[in-house]
Amino acid sequence: MCNAKVTIYTTRFCPFCIRAKSMLDNKSVDYQEIPIDNQPAVRREMIKKSGRRTVPQIWINDYHVGGCDELFSLERMGQLDNLLVNE
């Protein structure tokens, strides 16, 4: 059960975004997806918050996970589920 607020900045055709969302979907995690396609102000907001220009950019509550690789790394290390249930 996921108590955490999950936010993911994405673009429509990004394979890493699709992969990250697929993992979250498989874990039945509700998340807020913020598309940045053709949204320069939203892209700037993402860059300001994350310090990165690439997508996806993922937050669990206030913790900046990073991108798809970091999300999968947390899963491999057995730490993702703990982040998802802690408030």
PDB file of N, CA and C in Angstrom:
ATOM      1  N   MET A   1       0.839  -1.186   0.000  1.00  0.00           N
ATOM      2  CA  MET A   1       0.000   0.000   0.000  1.00  0.00           C
ATOM      3  C   MET A   1       0.882   1.246   0.000  1.00  0.00           C
ATOM      4  N   CYS A   2       0.565   2.167  -0.876  1.00  0.00           N
ATOM      5  CA  CYS A   2       1.375   3.376  -1.034  1.00  0.00           C
ATOM      6  C   CYS A   2       0.694   4.556  -0.358  1.00  0.00           C
ATOM      7  N   ASN A   3       1.348   5.088   0.662  1.00  0.00           N
ATOM      8  CA  ASN A   3       0.846   6.291   1.330  1.00  0.00           C
ATOM      9  C   ASN A   3       1.533   7.540   0.806  1.00  0.00           C
ATOM     10  N   ALA A   4       2.566   7.360   0.034  1.00  0.00           N
ATOM     11  CA  ALA A   4       3.400   8.473  -0.401  1.00  0.00           C
ATOM     12  C   ALA A   4       2.770   9.239  -1.557  1.00  0.00           C
ATOM     13  N   LYS A   5       3.148  10.509  -1.651  1.00  0.00           N
ATOM     14  CA  LYS A   5       2.773  11.325  -2.803  1.00  0.00           C
ATOM     15  C   LYS A   5       3.905  11.187  -3.815  1.00  0.00           C
ATOM     16  N   VAL A   6       3.580  10.655  -4.978  1.00  0.00           N
ATOM     17  CA  VAL A   6       4.577  10.429  -6.020  1.00  0.00           C
ATOM     18  C   VAL A   6       4.280  11.373  -7.175  1.00  0.00           C
ATOM     19  N   THR A   7       5.312  12.093  -7.595  1.00  0.00           N
ATOM     20  CA  THR A   7       5.200  13.034  -8.707  1.00  0.00           C
ATOM     21  C   THR A   7       6.261  12.676  -9.727  1.00  0.00           C
ATOM     22  N   ILE A   8       5.861  12.665 -11.011  1.00  0.00           N
ATOM     23  CA  ILE A   8       6.804  12.330 -12.076  1.00  0.00           C
ATOM     24  C   ILE A   8       6.602  13.291 -13.251  1.00  0.00           C
ATOM     25  N   TYR A   9       7.674  13.989 -13.598  1.00  0.00           N
ATOM     26  CA  TYR A   9       7.687  14.856 -14.783  1.00  0.00           C
ATOM     27  C   TYR A   9       8.072  13.986 -15.978  1.00  0.00           C
ATOM     28  N   THR A  10       7.323  14.109 -17.069  1.00  0.00           N
ATOM     29  CA  THR A  10       7.515  13.229 -18.217  1.00  0.00           C
ATOM     30  C   THR A  10       7.386  13.981 -19.536  1.00  0.00           C
ATOM     31  N   THR A  11       7.803  13.303 -20.592  1.00  0.00           N
ATOM     32  CA  THR A  11       7.436  13.683 -21.953  1.00  0.00           C
ATOM     33  C   THR A  11       6.762  12.476 -22.589  1.00  0.00           C
ATOM     34  N   ARG A  12       5.999  12.730 -23.614  1.00  0.00           N
ATOM     35  CA  ARG A  12       5.130  11.706 -24.183  1.00  0.00           C
ATOM     36  C   ARG A  12       5.867  10.480 -24.711  1.00  0.00           C
ATOM     37  N   PHE A  13       6.948  10.660 -25.446  1.00  0.00           N
ATOM     38  CA  PHE A  13       7.576   9.519 -26.115  1.00  0.00           C
ATOM     39  C   PHE A  13       8.877   9.067 -25.474  1.00  0.00           C
ATOM     40  N   CYS A  14       9.146   9.517 -24.274  1.00  0.00           N
ATOM     41  CA  CYS A  14      10.375   9.153 -23.575  1.00  0.00           C
ATOM     42  C   CYS A  14      10.308   7.701 -23.105  1.00  0.00           C
ATOM     43  N   PRO A  15      11.208   6.835 -23.598  1.00  0.00           N
ATOM     44  CA  PRO A  15      11.154   5.425 -23.183  1.00  0.00           C
ATOM     45  C   PRO A  15      11.449   5.241 -21.696  1.00  0.00           C
ATOM     46  N   PHE A  16      12.262   6.118 -21.122  1.00  0.00           N
ATOM     47  CA  PHE A  16      12.565   6.011 -19.692  1.00  0.00           C
ATOM     48  C   PHE A  16      11.354   6.407 -18.849  1.00  0.00           C
ATOM     49  N   CYS A  17      10.592   7.386 -19.328  1.00  0.00           N
ATOM     50  CA  CYS A  17       9.351   7.782 -18.645  1.00  0.00           C
ATOM     51  C   CYS A  17       8.355   6.630 -18.672  1.00  0.00           C
ATOM     52  N   ILE A  18       8.218   6.010 -19.823  1.00  0.00           N
ATOM     53  CA  ILE A  18       7.291   4.889 -19.987  1.00  0.00           C
ATOM     54  C   ILE A  18       7.698   3.743 -19.064  1.00  0.00           C
ATOM     55  N   ARG A  19       8.987   3.477 -18.993  1.00  0.00           N
ATOM     56  CA  ARG A  19       9.494   2.391 -18.144  1.00  0.00           C
ATOM     57  C   ARG A  19       9.248   2.682 -16.657  1.00  0.00           C
ATOM     58  N   ALA A  20       9.521   3.906 -16.227  1.00  0.00           N
ATOM     59  CA  ALA A  20       9.307   4.283 -14.828  1.00  0.00           C
ATOM     60  C   ALA A  20       7.821   4.211 -14.466  1.00  0.00           C
ATOM     61  N   LYS A  21       6.960   4.731 -15.343  1.00  0.00           N
ATOM     62  CA  LYS A  21       5.527   4.686 -15.078  1.00  0.00           C
ATOM     63  C   LYS A  21       5.020   3.249 -15.053  1.00  0.00           C
ATOM     64  N   SER A  22       5.572   2.408 -15.914  1.00  0.00           N
ATOM     65  CA  SER A  22       5.181   1.000 -15.935  1.00  0.00           C
ATOM     66  C   SER A  22       5.503   0.322 -14.610  1.00  0.00           C
ATOM     67  N   MET A  23       6.693   0.610 -14.064  1.00  0.00           N
ATOM     68  CA  MET A  23       7.043   0.015 -12.773  1.00  0.00           C
ATOM     69  C   MET A  23       6.074   0.480 -11.694  1.00  0.00           C
ATOM     70  N   LEU A  24       5.796   1.778 -11.668  1.00  0.00           N
ATOM     71  CA  LEU A  24       4.874   2.306 -10.662  1.00  0.00           C
ATOM     72  C   LEU A  24       3.474   1.720 -10.847  1.00  0.00           C
ATOM     73  N   ASP A  25       3.038   1.587 -12.095  1.00  0.00           N
ATOM     74  CA  ASP A  25       1.734   0.971 -12.375  1.00  0.00           C
ATOM     75  C   ASP A  25       1.700  -0.480 -11.895  1.00  0.00           C
ATOM     76  N   ASN A  26       2.772  -1.219 -12.131  1.00  0.00           N
ATOM     77  CA  ASN A  26       2.830  -2.618 -11.700  1.00  0.00           C
ATOM     78  C   ASN A  26       2.788  -2.743 -10.181  1.00  0.00           C
ATOM     79  N   LYS A  27       3.236  -1.718  -9.480  1.00  0.00           N
ATOM     80  CA  LYS A  27       3.192  -1.706  -8.017  1.00  0.00           C
ATOM     81  C   LYS A  27       1.899  -1.072  -7.505  1.00  0.00           C
ATOM     82  N   SER A  28       0.989  -0.727  -8.428  1.00  0.00           N
ATOM     83  CA  SER A  28      -0.293  -0.081  -8.092  1.00  0.00           C
ATOM     84  C   SER A  28      -0.090   1.227  -7.322  1.00  0.00           C
ATOM     85  N   VAL A  29       0.911   1.985  -7.745  1.00  0.00           N
ATOM     86  CA  VAL A  29       1.209   3.278  -7.126  1.00  0.00           C
ATOM     87  C   VAL A  29       0.470   4.375  -7.892  1.00  0.00           C
ATOM     88  N   ASP A  30      -0.298   5.162  -7.169  1.00  0.00           N
ATOM     89  CA  ASP A  30      -0.912   6.347  -7.767  1.00  0.00           C
ATOM     90  C   ASP A  30       0.151   7.434  -7.823  1.00  0.00           C
ATOM     91  N   TYR A  31       0.223   8.131  -8.933  1.00  0.00           N
ATOM     92  CA  TYR A  31       1.202   9.194  -9.065  1.00  0.00           C
ATOM     93  C   TYR A  31       0.610  10.338  -9.865  1.00  0.00           C
ATOM     94  N   GLN A  32       1.168  11.503  -9.623  1.00  0.00           N
ATOM     95  CA  GLN A  32       0.797  12.673 -10.399  1.00  0.00           C
ATOM     96  C   GLN A  32       1.804  12.804 -11.523  1.00  0.00           C
ATOM     97  N   GLU A  33       1.323  12.703 -12.737  1.00  0.00           N
ATOM     98  CA  GLU A  33       2.191  12.868 -13.900  1.00  0.00           C
ATOM     99  C   GLU A  33       2.088  14.306 -14.384  1.00  0.00           C
ATOM    100  N   ILE A  34       3.240  14.929 -14.565  1.00  0.00           N
ATOM    101  CA  ILE A  34       3.282  16.307 -15.053  1.00  0.00           C
ATOM    102  C   ILE A  34       4.013  16.302 -16.392  1.00  0.00           C
ATOM    103  N   PRO A  35       3.253  16.326 -17.504  1.00  0.00           N
ATOM    104  CA  PRO A  35       3.901  16.347 -18.816  1.00  0.00           C
ATOM    105  C   PRO A  35       4.521  17.714 -19.094  1.00  0.00           C
ATOM    106  N   ILE A  36       5.719  17.685 -19.660  1.00  0.00           N
ATOM    107  CA  ILE A  36       6.395  18.946 -19.966  1.00  0.00           C
ATOM    108  C   ILE A  36       6.473  19.201 -21.470  1.00  0.00           C
ATOM    109  N   ASP A  37       5.866  18.327 -22.282  1.00  0.00           N
ATOM    110  CA  ASP A  37       5.849  18.541 -23.731  1.00  0.00           C
ATOM    111  C   ASP A  37       5.228  19.899 -24.040  1.00  0.00           C
ATOM    112  N   ASN A  38       5.922  20.697 -24.832  1.00  0.00           N
ATOM    113  CA  ASN A  38       5.403  21.999 -25.267  1.00  0.00           C
ATOM    114  C   ASN A  38       4.965  22.881 -24.099  1.00  0.00           C
ATOM    115  N   GLN A  39       5.626  22.731 -22.957  1.00  0.00           N
ATOM    116  CA  GLN A  39       5.301  23.513 -21.768  1.00  0.00           C
ATOM    117  C   GLN A  39       6.601  24.079 -21.187  1.00  0.00           C
ATOM    118  N   PRO A  40       7.165  25.096 -21.822  1.00  0.00           N
ATOM    119  CA  PRO A  40       8.457  25.600 -21.368  1.00  0.00           C
ATOM    120  C   PRO A  40       8.462  26.060 -19.911  1.00  0.00           C
ATOM    121  N   ALA A  41       7.382  26.633 -19.423  1.00  0.00           N
ATOM    122  CA  ALA A  41       7.340  27.086 -18.028  1.00  0.00           C
ATOM    123  C   ALA A  41       7.391  25.891 -17.071  1.00  0.00           C
ATOM    124  N   VAL A  42       6.697  24.824 -17.422  1.00  0.00           N
ATOM    125  CA  VAL A  42       6.686  23.622 -16.580  1.00  0.00           C
ATOM    126  C   VAL A  42       8.055  22.946 -16.637  1.00  0.00           C
ATOM    127  N   ARG A  43       8.671  22.933 -17.813  1.00  0.00           N
ATOM    128  CA  ARG A  43      10.030  22.372 -17.947  1.00  0.00           C
ATOM    129  C   ARG A  43      11.008  23.158 -17.063  1.00  0.00           C
ATOM    130  N   ARG A  44      10.907  24.479 -17.099  1.00  0.00           N
ATOM    131  CA  ARG A  44      11.785  25.304 -16.250  1.00  0.00           C
ATOM    132  C   ARG A  44      11.557  25.017 -14.770  1.00  0.00           C
ATOM    133  N   GLU A  45      10.301  24.824 -14.390  1.00  0.00           N
ATOM    134  CA  GLU A  45       9.976  24.469 -13.002  1.00  0.00           C
ATOM    135  C   GLU A  45      10.657  23.157 -12.605  1.00  0.00           C
ATOM    136  N   MET A  46      10.589  22.154 -13.497  1.00  0.00           N
ATOM    137  CA  MET A  46      11.223  20.863 -13.232  1.00  0.00           C
ATOM    138  C   MET A  46      12.731  21.020 -13.080  1.00  0.00           C
ATOM    139  N   ILE A  47      13.345  21.794 -13.971  1.00  0.00           N
ATOM    140  CA  ILE A  47      14.796  21.999 -13.931  1.00  0.00           C
ATOM    141  C   ILE A  47      15.188  22.720 -12.641  1.00  0.00           C
ATOM    142  N   LYS A  48      14.411  23.716 -12.259  1.00  0.00           N
ATOM    143  CA  LYS A  48      14.705  24.460 -11.036  1.00  0.00           C
ATOM    144  C   LYS A  48      14.612  23.551  -9.812  1.00  0.00           C
ATOM    145  N   LYS A  49      13.579  22.707  -9.763  1.00  0.00           N
ATOM    146  CA  LYS A  49      13.382  21.812  -8.617  1.00  0.00           C
ATOM    147  C   LYS A  49      14.419  20.699  -8.560  1.00  0.00           C
ATOM    148  N   SER A  50      14.778  20.141  -9.731  1.00  0.00           N
ATOM    149  CA  SER A  50      15.630  18.948  -9.757  1.00  0.00           C
ATOM    150  C   SER A  50      17.099  19.250 -10.032  1.00  0.00           C
ATOM    151  N   GLY A  51      17.361  20.378 -10.696  1.00  0.00           N
ATOM    152  CA  GLY A  51      18.720  20.652 -11.140  1.00  0.00           C
ATOM    153  C   GLY A  51      19.106  19.830 -12.354  1.00  0.00           C
ATOM    154  N   ARG A  52      18.131  19.169 -12.955  1.00  0.00           N
ATOM    155  CA  ARG A  52      18.383  18.305 -14.120  1.00  0.00           C
ATOM    156  C   ARG A  52      17.459  18.685 -15.264  1.00  0.00           C
ATOM    157  N   ARG A  53      17.915  18.390 -16.486  1.00  0.00           N
ATOM    158  CA  ARG A  53      17.145  18.719 -17.680  1.00  0.00           C
ATOM    159  C   ARG A  53      16.458  17.506 -18.292  1.00  0.00           C
ATOM    160  N   THR A  54      16.791  16.312 -17.814  1.00  0.00           N
ATOM    161  CA  THR A  54      16.270  15.090 -18.423  1.00  0.00           C
ATOM    162  C   THR A  54      14.998  14.616 -17.731  1.00  0.00           C
ATOM    163  N   VAL A  55      14.224  13.850 -18.468  1.00  0.00           N
ATOM    164  CA  VAL A  55      13.028  13.221 -17.909  1.00  0.00           C
ATOM    165  C   VAL A  55      13.218  11.705 -17.942  1.00  0.00           C
ATOM    166  N   PRO A  56      12.542  11.004 -17.058  1.00  0.00           N
ATOM    167  CA  PRO A  56      11.648  11.521 -16.040  1.00  0.00           C
ATOM    168  C   PRO A  56      12.420  12.095 -14.857  1.00  0.00           C
ATOM    169  N   GLN A  57      11.745  12.933 -14.113  1.00  0.00           N
ATOM    170  CA  GLN A  57      12.230  13.366 -12.803  1.00  0.00           C
ATOM    171  C   GLN A  57      11.142  12.970 -11.819  1.00  0.00           C
ATOM    172  N   ILE A  58      11.537  12.233 -10.787  1.00  0.00           N
ATOM    173  CA  ILE A  58      10.580  11.583  -9.898  1.00  0.00           C
ATOM    174  C   ILE A  58      10.816  12.029  -8.460  1.00  0.00           C
ATOM    175  N   TRP A  59       9.726  12.335  -7.764  1.00  0.00           N
ATOM    176  CA  TRP A  59       9.755  12.638  -6.347  1.00  0.00           C
ATOM    177  C   TRP A  59       8.825  11.682  -5.619  1.00  0.00           C
ATOM    178  N   ILE A  60       9.264  11.225  -4.465  1.00  0.00           N
ATOM    179  CA  ILE A  60       8.402  10.503  -3.545  1.00  0.00           C
ATOM    180  C   ILE A  60       8.346  11.373  -2.297  1.00  0.00           C
ATOM    181  N   ASN A  61       7.163  11.903  -2.035  1.00  0.00           N
ATOM    182  CA  ASN A  61       6.999  12.951  -1.031  1.00  0.00           C
ATOM    183  C   ASN A  61       7.983  14.064  -1.371  1.00  0.00           C
ATOM    184  N   ASP A  62       8.850  14.460  -0.455  1.00  0.00           N
ATOM    185  CA  ASP A  62       9.815  15.532  -0.721  1.00  0.00           C
ATOM    186  C   ASP A  62      11.171  15.000  -1.184  1.00  0.00           C
ATOM    187  N   TYR A  63      11.301  13.689  -1.301  1.00  0.00           N
ATOM    188  CA  TYR A  63      12.575  13.073  -1.681  1.00  0.00           C
ATOM    189  C   TYR A  63      12.692  13.013  -3.204  1.00  0.00           C
ATOM    190  N   HIS A  64      13.721  13.649  -3.742  1.00  0.00           N
ATOM    191  CA  HIS A  64      13.956  13.613  -5.185  1.00  0.00           C
ATOM    192  C   HIS A  64      14.693  12.326  -5.524  1.00  0.00           C
ATOM    193  N   VAL A  65      13.980  11.392  -6.118  1.00  0.00           N
ATOM    194  CA  VAL A  65      14.549  10.105  -6.512  1.00  0.00           C
ATOM    195  C   VAL A  65      15.562  10.311  -7.627  1.00  0.00           C
ATOM    196  N   GLY A  66      15.201  11.133  -8.592  1.00  0.00           N
ATOM    197  CA  GLY A  66      16.006  11.323  -9.799  1.00  0.00           C
ATOM    198  C   GLY A  66      15.226  10.773 -10.975  1.00  0.00           C
ATOM    199  N   GLY A  67      15.912  10.017 -11.823  1.00  0.00           N
ATOM    200  CA  GLY A  67      15.282   9.489 -13.024  1.00  0.00           C
ATOM    201  C   GLY A  67      14.956   8.016 -12.930  1.00  0.00           C
ATOM    202  N   CYS A  68      14.731   7.435 -14.089  1.00  0.00           N
ATOM    203  CA  CYS A  68      14.348   6.034 -14.194  1.00  0.00           C
ATOM    204  C   CYS A  68      15.414   5.109 -13.605  1.00  0.00           C
ATOM    205  N   ASP A  69      16.679   5.360 -13.920  1.00  0.00           N
ATOM    206  CA  ASP A  69      17.752   4.490 -13.410  1.00  0.00           C
ATOM    207  C   ASP A  69      17.778   4.483 -11.890  1.00  0.00           C
ATOM    208  N   GLU A  70      17.604   5.649 -11.282  1.00  0.00           N
ATOM    209  CA  GLU A  70      17.612   5.733  -9.821  1.00  0.00           C
ATOM    210  C   GLU A  70      16.400   5.027  -9.219  1.00  0.00           C
ATOM    211  N   LEU A  71      15.248   5.140  -9.887  1.00  0.00           N
ATOM    212  CA  LEU A  71      14.046   4.451  -9.419  1.00  0.00           C
ATOM    213  C   LEU A  71      14.266   2.939  -9.413  1.00  0.00           C
ATOM    214  N   PHE A  72      14.812   2.419 -10.510  1.00  0.00           N
ATOM    215  CA  PHE A  72      15.059   0.979 -10.597  1.00  0.00           C
ATOM    216  C   PHE A  72      16.155   0.545  -9.633  1.00  0.00           C
ATOM    217  N   SER A  73      17.115   1.405  -9.388  1.00  0.00           N
ATOM    218  CA  SER A  73      18.160   1.095  -8.424  1.00  0.00           C
ATOM    219  C   SER A  73      17.573   0.956  -7.018  1.00  0.00           C
ATOM    220  N   LEU A  74      16.676   1.868  -6.644  1.00  0.00           N
ATOM    221  CA  LEU A  74      16.009   1.760  -5.347  1.00  0.00           C
ATOM    222  C   LEU A  74      15.248   0.441  -5.238  1.00  0.00           C
ATOM    223  N   GLU A  75      14.611   0.044  -6.325  1.00  0.00           N
ATOM    224  CA  GLU A  75      13.862  -1.223  -6.336  1.00  0.00           C
ATOM    225  C   GLU A  75      14.812  -2.404  -6.148  1.00  0.00           C
ATOM    226  N   ARG A  76      15.923  -2.410  -6.874  1.00  0.00           N
ATOM    227  CA  ARG A  76      16.891  -3.515  -6.762  1.00  0.00           C
ATOM    228  C   ARG A  76      17.470  -3.609  -5.353  1.00  0.00           C
ATOM    229  N   MET A  77      17.663  -2.467  -4.701  1.00  0.00           N
ATOM    230  CA  MET A  77      18.232  -2.453  -3.350  1.00  0.00           C
ATOM    231  C   MET A  77      17.180  -2.724  -2.271  1.00  0.00           C
ATOM    232  N   GLY A  78      15.922  -2.888  -2.683  1.00  0.00           N
ATOM    233  CA  GLY A  78      14.865  -3.166  -1.726  1.00  0.00           C
ATOM    234  C   GLY A  78      14.430  -1.960  -0.917  1.00  0.00           C
ATOM    235  N   GLN A  79      14.698  -0.764  -1.411  1.00  0.00           N
ATOM    236  CA  GLN A  79      14.383   0.461  -0.664  1.00  0.00           C
ATOM    237  C   GLN A  79      13.142   1.195  -1.164  1.00  0.00           C
ATOM    238  N   LEU A  80      12.703   0.863  -2.370  1.00  0.00           N
ATOM    239  CA  LEU A  80      11.581   1.610  -2.967  1.00  0.00           C
ATOM    240  C   LEU A  80      10.294   1.426  -2.177  1.00  0.00           C
ATOM    241  N   ASP A  81       9.957   0.204  -1.823  1.00  0.00           N
ATOM    242  CA  ASP A  81       8.706  -0.037  -1.110  1.00  0.00           C
ATOM    243  C   ASP A  81       8.661   0.720   0.213  1.00  0.00           C
ATOM    244  N   ASN A  82       9.787   0.803   0.906  1.00  0.00           N
ATOM    245  CA  ASN A  82       9.815   1.554   2.165  1.00  0.00           C
ATOM    246  C   ASN A  82       9.544   3.032   1.940  1.00  0.00           C
ATOM    247  N   LEU A  83      10.089   3.594   0.872  1.00  0.00           N
ATOM    248  CA  LEU A  83       9.815   4.999   0.555  1.00  0.00           C
ATOM    249  C   LEU A  83       8.349   5.213   0.226  1.00  0.00           C
ATOM    250  N   LEU A  84       7.744   4.241  -0.429  1.00  0.00           N
ATOM    251  CA  LEU A  84       6.368   4.375  -0.875  1.00  0.00           C
ATOM    252  C   LEU A  84       5.364   4.268   0.270  1.00  0.00           C
ATOM    253  N   VAL A  85       5.715   3.571   1.348  1.00  0.00           N
ATOM    254  CA  VAL A  85       4.752   3.417   2.438  1.00  0.00           C
ATOM    255  C   VAL A  85       4.962   4.427   3.552  1.00  0.00           C
ATOM    256  N   ASN A  86       6.141   5.027   3.623  1.00  0.00           N
ATOM    257  CA  ASN A  86       6.402   6.012   4.673  1.00  0.00           C
ATOM    258  C   ASN A  86       5.819   7.359   4.293  1.00  0.00           C
ATOM    259  N   GLU A  87       5.229   8.012   5.243  1.00  0.00           N
ATOM    260  CA  GLU A  87       4.662   9.334   4.981  1.00  0.00           C
ATOM    261  C   GLU A  87       5.605  10.417   5.431  1.00  0.00           C
TER     262      GLU A  87
END
